[in-house]
Amino acid sequence: MTAQVTSIAAQEFQHLYKENGDKLYIIDLRTHAEVENESLSGTAHFPVQTLTSAILQDYLDQQGHQSEQPIYLLCAGGPRASLAAENLKQDIDAPLIIIAGGLNGLKTLQYQTQG
C-alpha cells in the first residue's frame, strides 16, 4: 500500500474548497501556535512533528473516510506538507495532495481577489 502523492495549486484548491469545503479531508500540519493565530475552517490539526500514520488513520476511520477520498495536506508554505506526505505515503491508502504554497499561498490569493 503506497499512496499516490500529488500537489494542487493554491488557486485550484481555493475553488475546490469554496465548492466542497465541508466534504474535504484537510490536515493542517502547522504548530499549535500557528493554528491559534490563524487557521482554515474545517481542517483537522496534527502538527507534522507528532503526526504518524497510525494517528492519521485513526482520525480518518473516526470520520468515516473512504480510501478513494483524497487527503489534503496544508502547512504555511509547502515544505511540511511534503515532509508529511513522504512520511505517510507507505502506510496510508488514500491519495495525498499537497496544497502548493500552503496557507500563505491561499492568503495571497485572497488579497489578489479582494484588490
PDB file of N, CA and C in Angstrom:
ATOM      1  N   MET A   1       0.847  -1.176   0.000  1.00  0.00           N
ATOM      2  CA  MET A   1       0.000   0.000   0.000  1.00  0.00           C
ATOM      3  C   MET A   1       0.892   1.239   0.000  1.00  0.00           C
ATOM      4  N   THR A   2       0.917   1.944  -1.107  1.00  0.00           N
ATOM      5  CA  THR A   2       1.648   3.196  -1.206  1.00  0.00           C
ATOM      6  C   THR A   2       0.721   4.243  -1.791  1.00  0.00           C
ATOM      7  N   ALA A   3       0.544   5.314  -1.055  1.00  0.00           N
ATOM      8  CA  ALA A   3      -0.350   6.377  -1.503  1.00  0.00           C
ATOM      9  C   ALA A   3       0.262   7.131  -2.667  1.00  0.00           C
ATOM     10  N   GLN A   4      -0.596   7.594  -3.540  1.00  0.00           N
ATOM     11  CA  GLN A   4      -0.164   8.479  -4.611  1.00  0.00           C
ATOM     12  C   GLN A   4      -0.027   9.877  -4.008  1.00  0.00           C
ATOM     13  N   VAL A   5       1.097  10.539  -4.274  1.00  0.00           N
ATOM     14  CA  VAL A   5       1.324  11.889  -3.768  1.00  0.00           C
ATOM     15  C   VAL A   5       1.358  12.853  -4.943  1.00  0.00           C
ATOM     16  N   THR A   6       0.497  13.856  -4.898  1.00  0.00           N
ATOM     17  CA  THR A   6       0.467  14.901  -5.914  1.00  0.00           C
ATOM     18  C   THR A   6       0.355  16.247  -5.204  1.00  0.00           C
ATOM     19  N   SER A   7       0.294  17.288  -5.988  1.00  0.00           N
ATOM     20  CA  SER A   7       0.071  18.601  -5.395  1.00  0.00           C
ATOM     21  C   SER A   7      -1.028  19.308  -6.173  1.00  0.00           C
ATOM     22  N   ILE A   8      -1.607  20.312  -5.523  1.00  0.00           N
ATOM     23  CA  ILE A   8      -2.660  21.105  -6.137  1.00  0.00           C
ATOM     24  C   ILE A   8      -2.277  22.566  -5.963  1.00  0.00           C
ATOM     25  N   ALA A   9      -2.465  23.351  -7.013  1.00  0.00           N
ATOM     26  CA  ALA A   9      -2.159  24.778  -6.936  1.00  0.00           C
ATOM     27  C   ALA A   9      -3.113  25.441  -5.952  1.00  0.00           C
ATOM     28  N   ALA A  10      -2.630  26.453  -5.264  1.00  0.00           N
ATOM     29  CA  ALA A  10      -3.454  27.151  -4.274  1.00  0.00           C
ATOM     30  C   ALA A  10      -4.753  27.653  -4.896  1.00  0.00           C
ATOM     31  N   GLN A  11      -4.682  28.181  -6.103  1.00  0.00           N
ATOM     32  CA  GLN A  11      -5.875  28.702  -6.764  1.00  0.00           C
ATOM     33  C   GLN A  11      -6.896  27.585  -7.040  1.00  0.00           C
ATOM     34  N   GLU A  12      -6.412  26.451  -7.496  1.00  0.00           N
ATOM     35  CA  GLU A  12      -7.300  25.315  -7.768  1.00  0.00           C
ATOM     36  C   GLU A  12      -7.923  24.803  -6.458  1.00  0.00           C
ATOM     37  N   PHE A  13      -7.096  24.729  -5.399  1.00  0.00           N
ATOM     38  CA  PHE A  13      -7.621  24.287  -4.115  1.00  0.00           C
ATOM     39  C   PHE A  13      -8.654  25.276  -3.581  1.00  0.00           C
ATOM     40  N   GLN A  14      -8.401  26.560  -3.730  1.00  0.00           N
ATOM     41  CA  GLN A  14      -9.336  27.581  -3.247  1.00  0.00           C
ATOM     42  C   GLN A  14     -10.710  27.380  -3.882  1.00  0.00           C
ATOM     43  N   HIS A  15     -10.741  27.113  -5.185  1.00  0.00           N
ATOM     44  CA  HIS A  15     -12.005  26.879  -5.881  1.00  0.00           C
ATOM     45  C   HIS A  15     -12.686  25.612  -5.343  1.00  0.00           C
ATOM     46  N   LEU A  16     -11.915  24.547  -5.199  1.00  0.00           N
ATOM     47  CA  LEU A  16     -12.436  23.284  -4.677  1.00  0.00           C
ATOM     48  C   LEU A  16     -12.981  23.473  -3.258  1.00  0.00           C
ATOM     49  N   TYR A  17     -12.265  24.233  -2.447  1.00  0.00           N
ATOM     50  CA  TYR A  17     -12.657  24.481  -1.057  1.00  0.00           C
ATOM     51  C   TYR A  17     -13.963  25.273  -0.993  1.00  0.00           C
ATOM     52  N   LYS A  18     -14.109  26.245  -1.868  1.00  0.00           N
ATOM     53  CA  LYS A  18     -15.348  27.041  -1.893  1.00  0.00           C
ATOM     54  C   LYS A  18     -16.543  26.178  -2.272  1.00  0.00           C
ATOM     55  N   GLU A  19     -16.323  25.230  -3.186  1.00  0.00           N
ATOM     56  CA  GLU A  19     -17.404  24.374  -3.666  1.00  0.00           C
ATOM     57  C   GLU A  19     -17.735  23.232  -2.701  1.00  0.00           C
ATOM     58  N   ASN A  20     -16.694  22.624  -2.108  1.00  0.00           N
ATOM     59  CA  ASN A  20     -16.884  21.388  -1.338  1.00  0.00           C
ATOM     60  C   ASN A  20     -16.137  21.369  -0.009  1.00  0.00           C
ATOM     61  N   GLY A  21     -15.838  22.512   0.566  1.00  0.00           N
ATOM     62  CA  GLY A  21     -15.001  22.571   1.762  1.00  0.00           C
ATOM     63  C   GLY A  21     -15.438  21.665   2.892  1.00  0.00           C
ATOM     64  N   ASP A  22     -16.732  21.501   3.047  1.00  0.00           N
ATOM     65  CA  ASP A  22     -17.240  20.680   4.152  1.00  0.00           C
ATOM     66  C   ASP A  22     -17.087  19.183   3.891  1.00  0.00           C
ATOM     67  N   LYS A  23     -16.723  18.808   2.664  1.00  0.00           N
ATOM     68  CA  LYS A  23     -16.573  17.383   2.329  1.00  0.00           C
ATOM     69  C   LYS A  23     -15.116  16.974   2.158  1.00  0.00           C
ATOM     70  N   LEU A  24     -14.195  17.925   2.316  1.00  0.00           N
ATOM     71  CA  LEU A  24     -12.775  17.644   2.105  1.00  0.00           C
ATOM     72  C   LEU A  24     -12.107  17.220   3.406  1.00  0.00           C
ATOM     73  N   TYR A  25     -11.106  16.364   3.279  1.00  0.00           N
ATOM     74  CA  TYR A  25     -10.277  15.965   4.418  1.00  0.00           C
ATOM     75  C   TYR A  25      -8.986  16.776   4.323  1.00  0.00           C
ATOM     76  N   ILE A  26      -8.903  17.832   5.155  1.00  0.00           N
ATOM     77  CA  ILE A  26      -7.764  18.741   5.124  1.00  0.00           C
ATOM     78  C   ILE A  26      -7.026  18.612   6.451  1.00  0.00           C
ATOM     79  N   ILE A  27      -5.750  18.290   6.369  1.00  0.00           N
ATOM     80  CA  ILE A  27      -4.920  18.122   7.560  1.00  0.00           C
ATOM     81  C   ILE A  27      -3.962  19.314   7.650  1.00  0.00           C
ATOM     82  N   ASP A  28      -4.105  20.088   8.718  1.00  0.00           N
ATOM     83  CA  ASP A  28      -3.231  21.239   8.967  1.00  0.00           C
ATOM     84  C   ASP A  28      -2.034  20.751   9.772  1.00  0.00           C
ATOM     85  N   LEU A  29      -0.854  20.910   9.215  1.00  0.00           N
ATOM     86  CA  LEU A  29       0.367  20.347   9.782  1.00  0.00           C
ATOM     87  C   LEU A  29       1.189  21.361  10.571  1.00  0.00           C
ATOM     88  N   ARG A  30       0.670  22.550  10.754  1.00  0.00           N
ATOM     89  CA  ARG A  30       1.421  23.603  11.425  1.00  0.00           C
ATOM     90  C   ARG A  30       1.415  23.417  12.946  1.00  0.00           C
ATOM     91  N   THR A  31       2.187  24.241  13.629  1.00  0.00           N
ATOM     92  CA  THR A  31       2.276  24.150  15.093  1.00  0.00           C
ATOM     93  C   THR A  31       0.992  24.658  15.742  1.00  0.00           C
ATOM     94  N   HIS A  32       0.832  24.332  17.016  1.00  0.00           N
ATOM     95  CA  HIS A  32      -0.335  24.814  17.764  1.00  0.00           C
ATOM     96  C   HIS A  32      -0.393  26.342  17.746  1.00  0.00           C
ATOM     97  N   ALA A  33       0.755  26.993  17.926  1.00  0.00           N
ATOM     98  CA  ALA A  33       0.795  28.455  17.944  1.00  0.00           C
ATOM     99  C   ALA A  33       0.340  29.040  16.602  1.00  0.00           C
ATOM    100  N   GLU A  34       0.787  28.444  15.519  1.00  0.00           N
ATOM    101  CA  GLU A  34       0.388  28.930  14.192  1.00  0.00           C
ATOM    102  C   GLU A  34      -1.120  28.783  13.986  1.00  0.00           C
ATOM    103  N   VAL A  35      -1.670  27.651  14.404  1.00  0.00           N
ATOM    104  CA  VAL A  35      -3.102  27.398  14.228  1.00  0.00           C
ATOM    105  C   VAL A  35      -3.931  28.324  15.112  1.00  0.00           C
ATOM    106  N   GLU A  36      -3.453  28.595  16.327  1.00  0.00           N
ATOM    107  CA  GLU A  36      -4.170  29.521  17.207  1.00  0.00           C
ATOM    108  C   GLU A  36      -4.196  30.922  16.620  1.00  0.00           C
ATOM    109  N   ASN A  37      -3.151  31.293  15.903  1.00  0.00           N
ATOM    110  CA  ASN A  37      -3.051  32.619  15.296  1.00  0.00           C
ATOM    111  C   ASN A  37      -4.006  32.758  14.099  1.00  0.00           C
ATOM    112  N   GLU A  38      -4.049  31.744  13.251  1.00  0.00           N
ATOM    113  CA  GLU A  38      -4.964  31.731  12.101  1.00  0.00           C
ATOM    114  C   GLU A  38      -5.091  30.310  11.581  1.00  0.00           C
ATOM    115  N   SER A  39      -6.287  29.988  11.080  1.00  0.00           N
ATOM    116  CA  SER A  39      -6.488  28.646  10.544  1.00  0.00           C
ATOM    117  C   SER A  39      -7.562  28.671   9.466  1.00  0.00           C
ATOM    118  N   LEU A  40      -7.600  27.611   8.715  1.00  0.00           N
ATOM    119  CA  LEU A  40      -8.589  27.427   7.666  1.00  0.00           C
ATOM    120  C   LEU A  40      -9.731  26.602   8.254  1.00  0.00           C
ATOM    121  N   SER A  41     -10.928  27.091   8.132  1.00  0.00           N
ATOM    122  CA  SER A  41     -12.099  26.412   8.688  1.00  0.00           C
ATOM    123  C   SER A  41     -12.245  24.999   8.121  1.00  0.00           C
ATOM    124  N   GLY A  42     -12.584  24.060   8.990  1.00  0.00           N
ATOM    125  CA  GLY A  42     -12.842  22.695   8.550  1.00  0.00           C
ATOM    126  C   GLY A  42     -11.626  21.794   8.478  1.00  0.00           C
ATOM    127  N   THR A  43     -10.501  22.259   8.995  1.00  0.00           N
ATOM    128  CA  THR A  43      -9.303  21.433   8.962  1.00  0.00           C
ATOM    129  C   THR A  43      -9.145  20.655  10.260  1.00  0.00           C
ATOM    130  N   ALA A  44      -8.432  19.553  10.176  1.00  0.00           N
ATOM    131  CA  ALA A  44      -8.022  18.805  11.366  1.00  0.00           C
ATOM    132  C   ALA A  44      -6.563  19.160  11.613  1.00  0.00           C
ATOM    133  N   HIS A  45      -6.213  19.398  12.863  1.00  0.00           N
ATOM    134  CA  HIS A  45      -4.863  19.861  13.179  1.00  0.00           C
ATOM    135  C   HIS A  45      -4.029  18.736  13.772  1.00  0.00           C
ATOM    136  N   PHE A  46      -2.948  18.408  13.079  1.00  0.00           N
ATOM    137  CA  PHE A  46      -1.967  17.431  13.547  1.00  0.00           C
ATOM    138  C   PHE A  46      -0.582  17.992  13.218  1.00  0.00           C
ATOM    139  N   PRO A  47       0.138  18.555  14.192  1.00  0.00           N
ATOM    140  CA  PRO A  47       1.473  19.087  13.897  1.00  0.00           C
ATOM    141  C   PRO A  47       2.352  18.015  13.249  1.00  0.00           C
ATOM    142  N   VAL A  48       3.079  18.406  12.223  1.00  0.00           N
ATOM    143  CA  VAL A  48       3.894  17.449  11.471  1.00  0.00           C
ATOM    144  C   VAL A  48       4.896  16.732  12.375  1.00  0.00           C
ATOM    145  N   GLN A  49       5.358  17.408  13.430  1.00  0.00           N
ATOM    146  CA  GLN A  49       6.356  16.808  14.318  1.00  0.00           C
ATOM    147  C   GLN A  49       5.816  15.595  15.075  1.00  0.00           C
ATOM    148  N   THR A  50       4.495  15.549  15.275  1.00  0.00           N
ATOM    149  CA  THR A  50       3.909  14.460  16.061  1.00  0.00           C
ATOM    150  C   THR A  50       3.006  13.535  15.249  1.00  0.00           C
ATOM    151  N   LEU A  51       2.788  13.861  13.975  1.00  0.00           N
ATOM    152  CA  LEU A  51       1.877  13.065  13.152  1.00  0.00           C
ATOM    153  C   LEU A  51       2.508  11.739  12.742  1.00  0.00           C
ATOM    154  N   THR A  52       1.765  10.670  12.966  1.00  0.00           N
ATOM    155  CA  THR A  52       2.167   9.349  12.496  1.00  0.00           C
ATOM    156  C   THR A  52       1.045   8.789  11.627  1.00  0.00           C
ATOM    157  N   SER A  53       1.369   7.775  10.866  1.00  0.00           N
ATOM    158  CA  SER A  53       0.348   7.122  10.041  1.00  0.00           C
ATOM    159  C   SER A  53      -0.777   6.569  10.898  1.00  0.00           C
ATOM    160  N   ALA A  54      -0.429   6.009  12.053  1.00  0.00           N
ATOM    161  CA  ALA A  54      -1.441   5.423  12.939  1.00  0.00           C
ATOM    162  C   ALA A  54      -2.400   6.490  13.459  1.00  0.00           C
ATOM    163  N   ILE A  55      -1.867   7.641  13.853  1.00  0.00           N
ATOM    164  CA  ILE A  55      -2.719   8.735  14.348  1.00  0.00           C
ATOM    165  C   ILE A  55      -3.651   9.209  13.245  1.00  0.00           C
ATOM    166  N   LEU A  56      -3.111   9.401  12.049  1.00  0.00           N
ATOM    167  CA  LEU A  56      -3.932   9.872  10.942  1.00  0.00           C
ATOM    168  C   LEU A  56      -4.980   8.838  10.561  1.00  0.00           C
ATOM    169  N   GLN A  57      -4.599   7.580  10.492  1.00  0.00           N
ATOM    170  CA  GLN A  57      -5.549   6.533  10.116  1.00  0.00           C
ATOM    171  C   GLN A  57      -6.672   6.426  11.135  1.00  0.00           C
ATOM    172  N   ASP A  58      -6.340   6.553  12.408  1.00  0.00           N
ATOM    173  CA  ASP A  58      -7.359   6.523  13.459  1.00  0.00           C
ATOM    174  C   ASP A  58      -8.349   7.669  13.274  1.00  0.00           C
ATOM    175  N   TYR A  59      -7.844   8.862  13.023  1.00  0.00           N
ATOM    176  CA  TYR A  59      -8.707  10.021  12.783  1.00  0.00           C
ATOM    177  C   TYR A  59      -9.604   9.779  11.564  1.00  0.00           C
ATOM    178  N   LEU A  60      -9.014   9.314  10.458  1.00  0.00           N
ATOM    179  CA  LEU A  60      -9.785   9.087   9.236  1.00  0.00           C
ATOM    180  C   LEU A  60     -10.870   8.037   9.449  1.00  0.00           C
ATOM    181  N   ASP A  61     -10.539   6.986  10.180  1.00  0.00           N
ATOM    182  CA  ASP A  61     -11.531   5.946  10.481  1.00  0.00           C
ATOM    183  C   ASP A  61     -12.701   6.527  11.275  1.00  0.00           C
ATOM    184  N   GLN A  62     -12.402   7.370  12.238  1.00  0.00           N
ATOM    185  CA  GLN A  62     -13.454   8.003  13.044  1.00  0.00           C
ATOM    186  C   GLN A  62     -14.354   8.902  12.198  1.00  0.00           C
ATOM    187  N   GLN A  63     -13.780   9.487  11.150  1.00  0.00           N
ATOM    188  CA  GLN A  63     -14.532  10.399  10.285  1.00  0.00           C
ATOM    189  C   GLN A  63     -15.301   9.682   9.175  1.00  0.00           C
ATOM    190  N   GLY A  64     -15.133   8.365   9.074  1.00  0.00           N
ATOM    191  CA  GLY A  64     -15.803   7.615   8.016  1.00  0.00           C
ATOM    192  C   GLY A  64     -15.163   7.813   6.655  1.00  0.00           C
ATOM    193  N   HIS A  65     -13.885   8.109   6.650  1.00  0.00           N
ATOM    194  CA  HIS A  65     -13.136   8.338   5.409  1.00  0.00           C
ATOM    195  C   HIS A  65     -13.087   7.074   4.556  1.00  0.00           C
ATOM    196  N   GLN A  66     -13.297   7.241   3.251  1.00  0.00           N
ATOM    197  CA  GLN A  66     -13.161   6.155   2.286  1.00  0.00           C
ATOM    198  C   GLN A  66     -11.797   6.284   1.612  1.00  0.00           C
ATOM    199  N   SER A  67     -11.144   5.168   1.325  1.00  0.00           N
ATOM    200  CA  SER A  67      -9.769   5.205   0.826  1.00  0.00           C
ATOM    201  C   SER A  67      -9.608   5.924  -0.516  1.00  0.00           C
ATOM    202  N   GLU A  68     -10.678   6.072  -1.285  1.00  0.00           N
ATOM    203  CA  GLU A  68     -10.547   6.783  -2.562  1.00  0.00           C
ATOM    204  C   GLU A  68     -10.617   8.308  -2.381  1.00  0.00           C
ATOM    205  N   GLN A  69     -11.027   8.762  -1.191  1.00  0.00           N
ATOM    206  CA  GLN A  69     -11.125  10.198  -0.943  1.00  0.00           C
ATOM    207  C   GLN A  69      -9.743  10.774  -0.633  1.00  0.00           C
ATOM    208  N   PRO A  70      -9.352  11.842  -1.334  1.00  0.00           N
ATOM    209  CA  PRO A  70      -8.029  12.412  -1.107  1.00  0.00           C
ATOM    210  C   PRO A  70      -7.903  13.094   0.254  1.00  0.00           C
ATOM    211  N   ILE A  71      -6.673  13.155   0.718  1.00  0.00           N
ATOM    212  CA  ILE A  71      -6.333  13.857   1.948  1.00  0.00           C
ATOM    213  C   ILE A  71      -5.469  15.040   1.531  1.00  0.00           C
ATOM    214  N   TYR A  72      -5.913  16.242   1.875  1.00  0.00           N
ATOM    215  CA  TYR A  72      -5.193  17.460   1.520  1.00  0.00           C
ATOM    216  C   TYR A  72      -4.282  17.849   2.677  1.00  0.00           C
ATOM    217  N   LEU A  73      -3.012  18.091   2.382  1.00  0.00           N
ATOM    218  CA  LEU A  73      -2.019  18.415   3.395  1.00  0.00           C
ATOM    219  C   LEU A  73      -1.681  19.896   3.309  1.00  0.00           C
ATOM    220  N   LEU A  74      -1.893  20.596   4.427  1.00  0.00           N
ATOM    221  CA  LEU A  74      -1.722  22.043   4.479  1.00  0.00           C
ATOM    222  C   LEU A  74      -0.682  22.424   5.525  1.00  0.00           C
ATOM    223  N   CYS A  75       0.221  23.307   5.156  1.00  0.00           N
ATOM    224  CA  CYS A  75       1.136  23.905   6.130  1.00  0.00           C
ATOM    225  C   CYS A  75       1.233  25.387   5.781  1.00  0.00           C
ATOM    226  N   ALA A  76       2.244  26.066   6.252  1.00  0.00           N
ATOM    227  CA  ALA A  76       2.352  27.506   5.980  1.00  0.00           C
ATOM    228  C   ALA A  76       2.768  27.773   4.537  1.00  0.00           C
ATOM    229  N   GLY A  77       3.757  27.006   4.034  1.00  0.00           N
ATOM    230  CA  GLY A  77       4.255  27.289   2.699  1.00  0.00           C
ATOM    231  C   GLY A  77       4.442  26.097   1.792  1.00  0.00           C
ATOM    232  N   GLY A  78       4.393  24.889   2.319  1.00  0.00           N
ATOM    233  CA  GLY A  78       4.536  23.694   1.494  1.00  0.00           C
ATOM    234  C   GLY A  78       5.534  22.664   1.977  1.00  0.00           C
ATOM    235  N   PRO A  79       6.682  23.046   2.549  1.00  0.00           N
ATOM    236  CA  PRO A  79       7.684  22.047   2.931  1.00  0.00           C
ATOM    237  C   PRO A  79       7.209  21.017   3.961  1.00  0.00           C
ATOM    238  N   ARG A  80       6.462  21.436   4.955  1.00  0.00           N
ATOM    239  CA  ARG A  80       5.993  20.464   5.956  1.00  0.00           C
ATOM    240  C   ARG A  80       4.972  19.501   5.361  1.00  0.00           C
ATOM    241  N   ALA A  81       4.174  19.976   4.418  1.00  0.00           N
ATOM    242  CA  ALA A  81       3.219  19.092   3.750  1.00  0.00           C
ATOM    243  C   ALA A  81       3.967  18.041   2.931  1.00  0.00           C
ATOM    244  N   SER A  82       5.048  18.450   2.285  1.00  0.00           N
ATOM    245  CA  SER A  82       5.864  17.495   1.525  1.00  0.00           C
ATOM    246  C   SER A  82       6.501  16.466   2.449  1.00  0.00           C
ATOM    247  N   LEU A  83       7.004  16.930   3.580  1.00  0.00           N
ATOM    248  CA  LEU A  83       7.608  16.028   4.572  1.00  0.00           C
ATOM    249  C   LEU A  83       6.568  15.033   5.086  1.00  0.00           C
ATOM    250  N   ALA A  84       5.386  15.525   5.414  1.00  0.00           N
ATOM    251  CA  ALA A  84       4.325  14.646   5.917  1.00  0.00           C
ATOM    252  C   ALA A  84       3.938  13.615   4.862  1.00  0.00           C
ATOM    253  N   ALA A  85       3.804  14.036   3.617  1.00  0.00           N
ATOM    254  CA  ALA A  85       3.440  13.101   2.542  1.00  0.00           C
ATOM    255  C   ALA A  85       4.484  12.007   2.426  1.00  0.00           C
ATOM    256  N   GLU A  86       5.742  12.386   2.501  1.00  0.00           N
ATOM    257  CA  GLU A  86       6.828  11.408   2.418  1.00  0.00           C
ATOM    258  C   GLU A  86       6.739  10.405   3.568  1.00  0.00           C
ATOM    259  N   ASN A  87       6.436  10.898   4.768  1.00  0.00           N
ATOM    260  CA  ASN A  87       6.365  10.034   5.953  1.00  0.00           C
ATOM    261  C   ASN A  87       5.129   9.139   5.964  1.00  0.00           C
ATOM    262  N   LEU A  88       4.049   9.588   5.342  1.00  0.00           N
ATOM    263  CA  LEU A  88       2.778   8.874   5.411  1.00  0.00           C
ATOM    264  C   LEU A  88       2.515   7.929   4.242  1.00  0.00           C
ATOM    265  N   LYS A  89       3.132   8.183   3.100  1.00  0.00           N
ATOM    266  CA  LYS A  89       2.711   7.519   1.859  1.00  0.00           C
ATOM    267  C   LYS A  89       2.803   5.999   1.887  1.00  0.00           C
ATOM    268  N   GLN A  90       3.705   5.432   2.675  1.00  0.00           N
ATOM    269  CA  GLN A  90       3.837   3.974   2.712  1.00  0.00           C
ATOM    270  C   GLN A  90       2.701   3.294   3.470  1.00  0.00           C
ATOM    271  N   ASP A  91       2.049   4.032   4.370  1.00  0.00           N
ATOM    272  CA  ASP A  91       1.062   3.404   5.262  1.00  0.00           C
ATOM    273  C   ASP A  91      -0.371   3.887   5.086  1.00  0.00           C
ATOM    274  N   ILE A  92      -0.581   4.898   4.271  1.00  0.00           N
ATOM    275  CA  ILE A  92      -1.926   5.445   4.079  1.00  0.00           C
ATOM    276  C   ILE A  92      -2.411   5.043   2.692  1.00  0.00           C
ATOM    277  N   ASP A  93      -3.625   4.496   2.635  1.00  0.00           N
ATOM    278  CA  ASP A  93      -4.167   4.003   1.369  1.00  0.00           C
ATOM    279  C   ASP A  93      -5.176   5.004   0.800  1.00  0.00           C
ATOM    280  N   ALA A  94      -4.738   6.247   0.630  1.00  0.00           N
ATOM    281  CA  ALA A  94      -5.579   7.298   0.049  1.00  0.00           C
ATOM    282  C   ALA A  94      -4.652   8.284  -0.652  1.00  0.00           C
ATOM    283  N   PRO A  95      -5.145   8.941  -1.693  1.00  0.00           N
ATOM    284  CA  PRO A  95      -4.304   9.940  -2.350  1.00  0.00           C
ATOM    285  C   PRO A  95      -3.937  11.062  -1.383  1.00  0.00           C
ATOM    286  N   LEU A  96      -2.666  11.434  -1.351  1.00  0.00           N
ATOM    287  CA  LEU A  96      -2.191  12.539  -0.526  1.00  0.00           C
ATOM    288  C   LEU A  96      -1.915  13.710  -1.458  1.00  0.00           C
ATOM    289  N   ILE A  97      -2.540  14.846  -1.176  1.00  0.00           N
ATOM    290  CA  ILE A  97      -2.404  16.003  -2.059  1.00  0.00           C
ATOM    291  C   ILE A  97      -1.841  17.180  -1.263  1.00  0.00           C
ATOM    292  N   ILE A  98      -0.688  17.645  -1.676  1.00  0.00           N
ATOM    293  CA  ILE A  98      -0.017  18.780  -1.044  1.00  0.00           C
ATOM    294  C   ILE A  98      -0.610  20.067  -1.613  1.00  0.00           C
ATOM    295  N   ILE A  99      -1.030  20.963  -0.738  1.00  0.00           N
ATOM    296  CA  ILE A  99      -1.548  22.258  -1.182  1.00  0.00           C
ATOM    297  C   ILE A  99      -0.339  23.166  -1.413  1.00  0.00           C
ATOM    298  N   ALA A 100      -0.008  23.386  -2.687  1.00  0.00           N
ATOM    299  CA  ALA A 100       1.182  24.162  -3.053  1.00  0.00           C
ATOM    300  C   ALA A 100       1.084  25.581  -2.508  1.00  0.00           C
ATOM    301  N   GLY A 101       2.148  26.022  -1.865  1.00  0.00           N
ATOM    302  CA  GLY A 101       2.153  27.368  -1.295  1.00  0.00           C
ATOM    303  C   GLY A 101       1.510  27.452   0.071  1.00  0.00           C
ATOM    304  N   GLY A 102       0.817  26.392   0.474  1.00  0.00           N
ATOM    305  CA  GLY A 102       0.208  26.327   1.793  1.00  0.00           C
ATOM    306  C   GLY A 102      -0.740  27.474   2.090  1.00  0.00           C
ATOM    307  N   LEU A 103      -0.894  27.758   3.374  1.00  0.00           N
ATOM    308  CA  LEU A 103      -1.805  28.820   3.808  1.00  0.00           C
ATOM    309  C   LEU A 103      -1.347  30.173   3.279  1.00  0.00           C
ATOM    310  N   ASN A 104      -0.031  30.371   3.177  1.00  0.00           N
ATOM    311  CA  ASN A 104       0.475  31.630   2.632  1.00  0.00           C
ATOM    312  C   ASN A 104       0.012  31.826   1.194  1.00  0.00           C
ATOM    313  N   GLY A 105       0.022  30.762   0.410  1.00  0.00           N
ATOM    314  CA  GLY A 105      -0.453  30.839  -0.966  1.00  0.00           C
ATOM    315  C   GLY A 105      -1.936  31.159  -1.046  1.00  0.00           C
ATOM    316  N   LEU A 106      -2.713  30.575  -0.147  1.00  0.00           N
ATOM    317  CA  LEU A 106      -4.153  30.851  -0.118  1.00  0.00           C
ATOM    318  C   LEU A 106      -4.416  32.291   0.303  1.00  0.00           C
ATOM    319  N   LYS A 107      -3.654  32.793   1.270  1.00  0.00           N
ATOM    320  CA  LYS A 107      -3.828  34.180   1.715  1.00  0.00           C
ATOM    321  C   LYS A 107      -3.469  35.151   0.591  1.00  0.00           C
ATOM    322  N   THR A 108      -2.425  34.853  -0.165  1.00  0.00           N
ATOM    323  CA  THR A 108      -2.032  35.710  -1.286  1.00  0.00           C
ATOM    324  C   THR A 108      -3.171  35.803  -2.296  1.00  0.00           C
ATOM    325  N   LEU A 109      -3.831  34.684  -2.556  1.00  0.00           N
ATOM    326  CA  LEU A 109      -4.969  34.694  -3.481  1.00  0.00           C
ATOM    327  C   LEU A 109      -6.101  35.564  -2.963  1.00  0.00           C
ATOM    328  N   GLN A 110      -6.356  35.506  -1.659  1.00  0.00           N
ATOM    329  CA  GLN A 110      -7.426  36.323  -1.084  1.00  0.00           C
ATOM    330  C   GLN A 110      -7.144  37.812  -1.280  1.00  0.00           C
ATOM    331  N   TYR A 111      -5.880  38.190  -1.073  1.00  0.00           N
ATOM    332  CA  TYR A 111      -5.523  39.597  -1.253  1.00  0.00           C
ATOM    333  C   TYR A 111      -5.673  40.008  -2.698  1.00  0.00           C
ATOM    334  N   GLN A 112      -5.348  39.108  -3.624  1.00  0.00           N
ATOM    335  CA  GLN A 112      -5.466  39.419  -5.041  1.00  0.00           C
ATOM    336  C   GLN A 112      -6.933  39.572  -5.451  1.00  0.00           C
ATOM    337  N   THR A 113      -7.806  38.715  -4.921  1.00  0.00           N
ATOM    338  CA  THR A 113      -9.215  38.773  -5.318  1.00  0.00           C
ATOM    339  C   THR A 113      -9.953  39.921  -4.636  1.00  0.00           C
ATOM    340  N   GLN A 114      -9.452  40.380  -3.485  1.00  0.00           N
ATOM    341  CA  GLN A 114     -10.099  41.487  -2.799  1.00  0.00           C
ATOM    342  C   GLN A 114      -9.698  42.838  -3.405  1.00  0.00           C
ATOM    343  N   GLY A 115      -8.520  42.867  -4.046  1.00  0.00           N
ATOM    344  CA  GLY A 115      -7.973  44.110  -4.578  1.00  0.00           C
ATOM    345  C   GLY A 115      -8.731  44.589  -5.738  1.00  0.00           C
TER     346      GLY A 115
END
